[in-house]
């Protein structure tokens, strides 16, 4: 009788991962990577977007340019609004024949310069306590379409905001009466035609939370961060504040950045020695177009202001050269 040998049979699965930053602005590059764990050869890949129909059924739409991912990488060199979506992939091989199931989902969001609709969050912050009421509504300046609040969460995937255990939809507004940690995810406004605008990353946490701006901060504006705790008479905590994991301010009730610049963009959190640490929130900083215009106008006005002085200087130099030439000619004639 021989020694025992353990035989392990694995079920090949497609795994999808994305670039470090899948929250993009128009023109940014992005790459999605599909692979079969533990088996790297003999596979070809197909790419799909996950959509939700009006009857709340999932549909997997094969990408028309799925050939971009023939080698396991699906790359978009210049992202456009149309690339916003939930992506999945599958893998298949001929010998031996095998087809994997759909991979995990990866959300990619591409934002434009000025979306026609805004997602209003109340209370106005990205992190929220558990067991409270949370309201989200789509505000359309042109009133040209009916909007629905949709979301993507790790627990429930792609669904309407009202699909939450205690959620309800009224017109273009959604209310979650009793928030849970499972409500953490990305929320956005979607029209009947499928347009998606203004995503907000909402985090629901049972302990310490960070109070920060819902919308991106524009360069030159003031950013205020606070550390909050629910079960206390004074919710503002004296805490340490962190950016990208590094301590930037100690034991204060709030952190104020008076003039925000692009360098302030990053992940922020706060930590209290007894209450605990908040989740991380991404603070996005946008470039001020009006500031750029002012800078250009200032440069032009400076150039125009200097022009008269330059002109006078050139005329004087010209006259001096002429006078010098006449003087030299007079001296030559005297010498002759």
Protein backbone atom coordinates (compact mmCIF):
# COMPACT_ATOMS: atom_id res chain seq x y z
CA UNK A 1 0.00 0.00 0.00
CA UNK A 2 1.51 3.33 -1.12
CA UNK A 3 1.61 6.63 0.68
CA UNK A 4 -1.43 8.86 0.31
CA UNK A 5 -1.37 11.64 -2.28
CA UNK A 6 -3.67 14.67 -2.01
CA UNK A 7 -5.22 15.67 -5.34
CA UNK A 8 -6.55 19.21 -5.55
CA UNK A 9 -8.80 20.16 -8.47
CA UNK A 10 -9.30 23.90 -8.86
CA UNK A 11 -12.04 25.65 -10.76
CA UNK A 12 -10.36 28.25 -13.02
CA UNK A 13 -11.85 31.68 -12.42
CA UNK A 14 -11.36 34.96 -14.22
CA UNK A 15 -10.21 37.78 -11.94
CA UNK A 16 -10.49 41.43 -12.97
CA UNK A 17 -8.36 44.25 -11.62
CA UNK A 18 -7.94 47.85 -12.69
CA UNK A 19 -5.44 50.68 -12.77
CA UNK A 20 -4.65 52.17 -9.36
CA UNK A 21 -7.09 55.00 -10.07
CA UNK A 22 -10.34 54.05 -11.82
CA UNK A 23 -11.94 57.41 -11.00
CA UNK A 24 -11.04 59.31 -14.16
CA UNK A 25 -11.37 62.64 -15.93
CA UNK A 26 -11.92 62.86 -19.68
CA UNK A 27 -8.65 62.13 -21.50
CA UNK A 28 -7.10 59.97 -18.75
CA UNK A 29 -5.78 56.50 -19.68
CA UNK A 30 -7.09 53.37 -17.98
CA UNK A 31 -6.22 49.67 -18.17
CA UNK A 32 -8.26 46.69 -16.95
CA UNK A 33 -6.44 43.40 -16.40
CA UNK A 34 -8.16 40.03 -16.70
CA UNK A 35 -6.32 36.90 -15.63
CA UNK A 36 -6.92 33.33 -14.53
CA UNK A 37 -5.26 32.74 -11.18
CA UNK A 38 -2.70 29.95 -11.25
CA UNK A 39 -2.90 29.45 -15.02
CA UNK A 40 -1.32 32.00 -17.35
CA UNK A 41 -1.19 30.34 -20.79
CA UNK A 42 -3.70 29.28 -23.41
CA UNK A 43 -6.44 31.72 -22.44
CA UNK A 44 -8.29 34.29 -24.53
CA UNK A 45 -10.48 36.93 -22.95
CA UNK A 46 -13.74 38.71 -23.65
CA UNK A 47 -14.96 41.96 -22.13
CA UNK A 48 -18.47 43.05 -21.14
CA UNK A 49 -20.29 45.91 -19.50
CA UNK A 50 -22.89 45.13 -16.88
CA UNK A 51 -26.22 46.97 -17.23
CA UNK A 52 -29.49 46.93 -15.34
CA UNK A 53 -32.73 46.85 -17.36
CA UNK A 54 -36.04 48.47 -16.42
CA UNK A 55 -37.23 45.15 -14.97
CA UNK A 56 -34.13 45.06 -12.72
CA UNK A 57 -32.41 42.24 -14.58
CA UNK A 58 -28.68 42.14 -15.28
CA UNK A 59 -27.46 42.18 -18.88
CA UNK A 60 -23.91 41.49 -20.04
CA UNK A 61 -23.17 43.49 -23.20
CA UNK A 62 -20.12 42.34 -25.18
CA UNK A 63 -17.89 45.32 -25.96
CA UNK A 64 -17.65 46.06 -29.68
CA UNK A 65 -13.90 46.63 -29.29
CA UNK A 66 -13.39 43.60 -27.07
CA UNK A 67 -10.32 42.75 -29.19
CA UNK A 68 -8.43 45.39 -27.19
CA UNK A 69 -8.28 42.82 -24.42
CA UNK A 70 -7.03 39.91 -26.52
CA UNK A 71 -3.91 39.65 -24.37
CA UNK A 72 -5.69 40.00 -21.04
CA UNK A 73 -5.47 43.81 -20.88
CA UNK A 74 -8.27 46.12 -21.96
CA UNK A 75 -6.75 49.58 -22.47
CA UNK A 76 -8.39 52.93 -23.17
CA UNK A 77 -5.72 55.52 -23.98
CA UNK A 78 -8.08 58.50 -23.73
CA UNK A 79 -11.16 57.95 -21.60
CA UNK A 80 -14.47 59.53 -22.65
CA UNK A 81 -17.80 59.81 -20.83
CA UNK A 82 -19.08 56.78 -22.76
CA UNK A 83 -16.48 54.56 -21.03
CA UNK A 84 -18.23 55.01 -17.67
CA UNK A 85 -19.64 51.67 -16.54
CA UNK A 86 -19.31 48.39 -14.68
CA UNK A 87 -16.93 46.00 -16.45
CA UNK A 88 -16.54 42.21 -16.26
CA UNK A 89 -14.51 39.69 -18.26
CA UNK A 90 -14.49 35.99 -19.10
CA UNK A 91 -11.70 33.63 -20.16
CA UNK A 92 -11.80 30.59 -22.44
CA UNK A 93 -9.39 28.05 -23.85
CA UNK A 94 -9.48 25.36 -26.51
CA UNK A 95 -7.31 22.59 -25.05
CA UNK A 96 -8.64 21.35 -22.79
CA UNK A 97 -11.91 23.20 -23.52
CA UNK A 98 -13.01 25.44 -20.66
CA UNK A 99 -15.12 28.59 -20.24
CA UNK A 100 -14.95 30.55 -17.00
CA UNK A 101 -17.86 32.32 -15.40
CA UNK A 102 -18.03 36.11 -15.35
CA UNK A 103 -15.31 37.73 -13.27
CA UNK A 104 -15.76 40.11 -10.40
CA UNK A 105 -17.00 43.55 -11.45
CA UNK A 106 -14.89 46.70 -11.76
CA UNK A 107 -16.46 50.16 -11.78
CA UNK A 108 -14.88 52.84 -13.99
CA UNK A 109 -16.15 56.39 -13.80
CA UNK A 110 -15.24 59.20 -16.21
CA UNK A 111 -16.28 62.71 -15.25
CA UNK A 112 -16.77 65.65 -17.60
CA UNK A 113 -15.99 69.30 -17.01
CA UNK A 114 -19.53 70.51 -16.23
CA UNK A 115 -22.18 67.79 -15.77
CA UNK A 116 -25.80 68.89 -16.41
CA UNK A 117 -27.02 67.33 -13.17
CA UNK A 118 -25.79 67.31 -9.57
CA UNK A 119 -26.28 64.68 -6.88
CA UNK A 120 -27.27 66.43 -3.66
CA UNK A 121 -26.46 64.48 -0.48
CA UNK A 122 -28.00 65.24 2.92
CA UNK A 123 -26.28 65.37 5.37
CA UNK A 124 -23.74 66.99 3.03
CA UNK A 125 -20.72 64.73 3.50
CA UNK A 126 -19.30 61.55 1.99
CA UNK A 127 -19.07 59.54 5.24
CA UNK A 128 -22.17 58.75 7.31
CA UNK A 129 -23.07 56.97 10.53
CA UNK A 130 -25.02 53.73 10.65
CA UNK A 131 -28.69 53.77 11.72
CA UNK A 132 -29.41 57.30 10.45
CA UNK A 133 -31.41 58.75 7.57
CA UNK A 134 -29.60 59.56 4.31
CA UNK A 135 -31.16 61.51 1.44
CA UNK A 136 -29.85 61.71 -2.15
CA UNK A 137 -31.50 63.69 -4.95
CA UNK A 138 -30.68 64.61 -8.55
CA UNK A 139 -30.86 68.31 -9.36
CA UNK A 140 -31.15 69.06 -13.08
CA UNK A 141 -30.65 72.68 -14.13
CA UNK A 142 -32.36 72.18 -17.50
CA UNK A 143 -35.09 69.79 -16.30
CA UNK A 144 -34.65 67.96 -19.58
CA UNK A 145 -34.75 64.39 -18.27
CA UNK A 146 -36.06 62.23 -15.48
CA UNK A 147 -33.24 61.08 -13.24
CA UNK A 148 -32.93 58.07 -10.94
CA UNK A 149 -30.39 57.60 -8.16
CA UNK A 150 -28.46 54.39 -8.78
CA UNK A 151 -25.58 52.81 -6.92
CA UNK A 152 -22.90 50.15 -7.03
CA UNK A 153 -21.94 48.41 -3.78
CA UNK A 154 -19.60 45.51 -3.05
CA UNK A 155 -22.41 43.67 -1.27
CA UNK A 156 -25.32 44.11 -3.70
CA UNK A 157 -23.67 45.13 -6.98
CA UNK A 158 -25.50 47.39 -9.45
CA UNK A 159 -28.99 48.48 -8.38
CA UNK A 160 -31.35 51.38 -7.75
CA UNK A 161 -30.75 53.33 -4.55
CA UNK A 162 -34.30 52.45 -3.46
CA UNK A 163 -33.34 48.75 -3.50
CA UNK A 164 -31.71 49.30 -0.12
CA UNK A 165 -33.36 47.46 2.76
CA UNK A 166 -34.90 50.70 4.03
CA UNK A 167 -34.72 52.73 0.79
CA UNK A 168 -37.49 54.49 -1.13
CA UNK A 169 -37.58 56.53 -4.33
CA UNK A 170 -39.76 59.61 -4.87
CA UNK A 171 -39.28 61.29 -8.24
CA UNK A 172 -35.57 62.03 -8.57
CA UNK A 173 -34.88 61.57 -4.85
CA UNK A 174 -33.92 58.52 -2.82
CA UNK A 175 -34.11 58.17 0.96
CA UNK A 176 -32.42 55.48 3.03
CA UNK A 177 -34.15 55.65 6.39
CA UNK A 178 -31.84 53.31 8.33
CA UNK A 179 -28.29 53.23 6.93
CA UNK A 180 -26.13 50.12 7.16
CA UNK A 181 -22.49 49.45 6.35
CA UNK A 182 -23.72 47.50 3.30
CA UNK A 183 -24.93 50.82 1.84
CA UNK A 184 -21.29 51.85 1.27
CA UNK A 185 -20.71 52.35 -2.45
CA UNK A 186 -20.79 54.72 -5.41
CA UNK A 187 -24.03 56.64 -6.04
CA UNK A 188 -24.91 58.60 -9.17
CA UNK A 189 -27.74 60.12 -11.23
CA UNK A 190 -28.90 58.16 -14.27
CA UNK A 191 -31.43 59.21 -16.91
CA UNK A 192 -33.97 57.01 -18.65
CA UNK A 193 -31.71 56.97 -21.73
CA UNK A 194 -28.78 55.64 -19.68
CA UNK A 195 -26.78 58.84 -19.15
CA UNK A 196 -24.75 58.76 -15.93
CA UNK A 197 -23.59 61.85 -14.09
CA UNK A 198 -22.06 63.10 -10.85
CA UNK A 199 -20.85 60.06 -8.89
CA UNK A 200 -20.33 60.31 -5.14
CA UNK A 201 -18.45 57.72 -3.09
CA UNK A 202 -20.58 57.17 0.04
CA UNK A 203 -19.17 55.37 3.09
CA UNK A 204 -21.38 54.19 5.98
CA UNK A 205 -19.45 53.47 9.18
CA UNK A 206 -20.45 52.55 12.74
CA UNK A 207 -17.68 54.47 14.54
CA UNK A 208 -15.63 57.60 13.86
CA UNK A 209 -16.23 59.34 10.53
CA UNK A 210 -14.52 62.15 8.63
CA UNK A 211 -16.64 65.12 7.59
CA UNK A 212 -15.47 66.33 4.19
CA UNK A 213 -16.85 67.96 1.05
CA UNK A 214 -19.20 65.89 -1.13
CA UNK A 215 -18.11 67.61 -4.33
CA UNK A 216 -14.58 68.22 -5.67
CA UNK A 217 -12.86 71.30 -4.24
CA UNK A 218 -11.73 74.00 -6.67
CA UNK A 219 -8.19 75.37 -6.46
CA UNK A 220 -8.05 78.47 -4.27
CA UNK A 221 -11.07 77.49 -2.14
CA UNK A 222 -11.05 76.61 1.57
CA UNK A 223 -11.29 72.99 2.69
CA UNK A 224 -12.45 72.13 6.23
CA UNK A 225 -12.23 68.61 7.69
CA UNK A 226 -13.74 67.45 10.99
CA UNK A 227 -13.66 64.21 12.95
CA UNK A 228 -17.11 63.13 14.20
CA UNK A 229 -18.43 60.54 16.62
CA UNK A 230 -22.12 59.73 16.90
CA UNK A 231 -22.64 58.57 20.49
CA UNK A 232 -21.56 61.70 22.32
CA UNK A 233 -23.03 65.08 23.26
CA UNK A 234 -20.23 66.87 21.40
CA UNK A 235 -19.72 65.08 18.04
CA UNK A 236 -16.54 67.01 17.13
CA UNK A 237 -13.49 65.09 18.34
CA UNK A 238 -9.96 66.30 19.03
CA UNK A 239 -8.16 63.96 16.67
CA UNK A 240 -5.14 63.45 14.42
CA UNK A 241 -5.60 64.03 10.70
CA UNK A 242 -3.84 62.01 8.01
CA UNK A 243 -3.25 62.40 4.28
CA UNK A 244 -2.28 59.29 2.29
CA UNK A 245 -1.42 57.58 5.59
CA UNK A 246 0.93 60.34 6.86
CA UNK A 247 0.15 62.48 9.90
CA UNK A 248 -0.38 66.13 8.90
CA UNK A 249 -2.10 67.65 11.97
CA UNK A 250 -2.35 66.55 15.62
CA UNK A 251 -5.09 66.83 18.23
CA UNK A 252 -7.39 69.45 16.72
CA UNK A 253 -11.19 69.55 16.36
CA UNK A 254 -10.90 70.56 12.71
CA UNK A 255 -8.32 70.91 9.97
CA UNK A 256 -8.54 73.91 7.65
CA UNK A 257 -6.67 74.34 4.36
CA UNK A 258 -7.27 77.99 3.48
CA UNK A 259 -6.06 77.88 -0.14
CA UNK A 260 -6.41 74.48 -1.77
CA UNK A 261 -4.05 73.45 -4.58
CA UNK A 262 -3.74 70.33 -6.71
CA UNK A 263 -1.06 69.02 -4.33
CA UNK A 264 -3.72 68.67 -1.60
CA UNK A 265 -5.54 65.95 -3.57
CA UNK A 266 -5.44 62.55 -1.85
CA UNK A 267 -6.94 60.18 0.73
CA UNK A 268 -7.77 61.77 4.11
CA UNK A 269 -8.74 60.20 7.42
CA UNK A 270 -8.79 61.05 11.12
CA UNK A 271 -7.96 59.07 14.26
CA UNK A 272 -9.00 59.42 17.88
CA UNK A 273 -6.90 57.57 20.51
CA UNK A 274 -9.99 56.06 22.20
CA UNK A 275 -12.85 56.19 19.67
CA UNK A 276 -10.88 54.78 16.75
CA UNK A 277 -10.09 55.71 13.16
CA UNK A 278 -12.36 56.87 10.35
CA UNK A 279 -12.42 55.33 6.86
CA UNK A 280 -10.42 57.09 4.15
CA UNK A 281 -12.08 59.63 1.83
CA UNK A 282 -10.69 60.78 -1.50
CA UNK A 283 -10.55 64.58 -1.77
CA UNK A 284 -10.52 65.67 -5.42
CA UNK A 285 -9.19 69.09 -6.47
CA UNK A 286 -10.26 70.66 -9.76
CA UNK A 287 -8.47 73.39 -11.68
CA UNK A 288 -10.19 76.78 -11.67
CA UNK A 289 -10.93 77.76 -15.28
CA UNK A 290 -11.88 81.28 -14.20
CA UNK A 291 -8.50 81.52 -12.47
CA UNK A 292 -6.77 80.51 -15.69
CA UNK A 293 -8.73 83.13 -17.61
CA UNK A 294 -7.84 85.78 -15.04
CA UNK A 295 -4.17 84.80 -15.34
CA UNK A 296 -4.29 85.13 -19.13
CA UNK A 297 -6.05 88.48 -18.90
CA UNK A 298 -3.53 89.66 -16.34
CA UNK A 299 -0.65 88.68 -18.64
CA UNK A 300 -2.23 90.44 -21.62
CA UNK A 301 -2.93 93.59 -19.61
CA UNK A 302 0.68 93.59 -18.36
CA UNK A 303 1.99 93.28 -21.91
CA UNK A 304 -0.31 96.07 -23.13
CA UNK A 305 0.76 98.27 -20.22
CA UNK A 306 4.44 97.79 -21.05
CA UNK A 307 3.99 98.28 -24.82
CA UNK A 308 4.02 102.15 -24.76
CA UNK A 309 7.27 102.17 -22.79
CA UNK A 310 8.85 99.69 -25.18
CA UNK A 311 7.73 101.79 -28.16
CA UNK A 312 9.20 105.01 -26.68
CA UNK A 313 12.47 103.19 -25.92
CA UNK A 314 12.76 101.89 -29.49
CA UNK A 315 12.10 105.37 -30.95
CA UNK A 316 14.71 106.97 -28.68
CA UNK A 317 17.32 104.34 -29.61
CA UNK A 318 16.57 104.89 -33.29
CA UNK A 319 16.92 108.66 -32.95
CA UNK A 320 20.16 108.30 -30.99
CA UNK A 321 21.59 106.05 -33.69
CA UNK A 322 20.68 108.61 -36.38
CA UNK A 323 22.20 111.49 -34.39
CA UNK A 324 25.37 109.48 -33.81
CA UNK A 325 25.62 108.70 -37.52
CA UNK A 326 25.27 112.37 -38.44
CA UNK A 327 27.91 113.34 -35.85
CA UNK A 328 30.43 110.81 -37.21
CA UNK A 329 29.82 112.01 -40.79
CA UNK A 330 30.48 115.63 -39.69
CA UNK A 331 33.80 114.59 -38.08
CA UNK A 332 34.93 112.77 -41.24
CA UNK A 333 34.28 115.86 -43.33
CA UNK A 334 36.34 118.06 -40.94
CA UNK A 335 39.24 115.62 -41.11
CA UNK A 336 39.19 115.71 -44.93
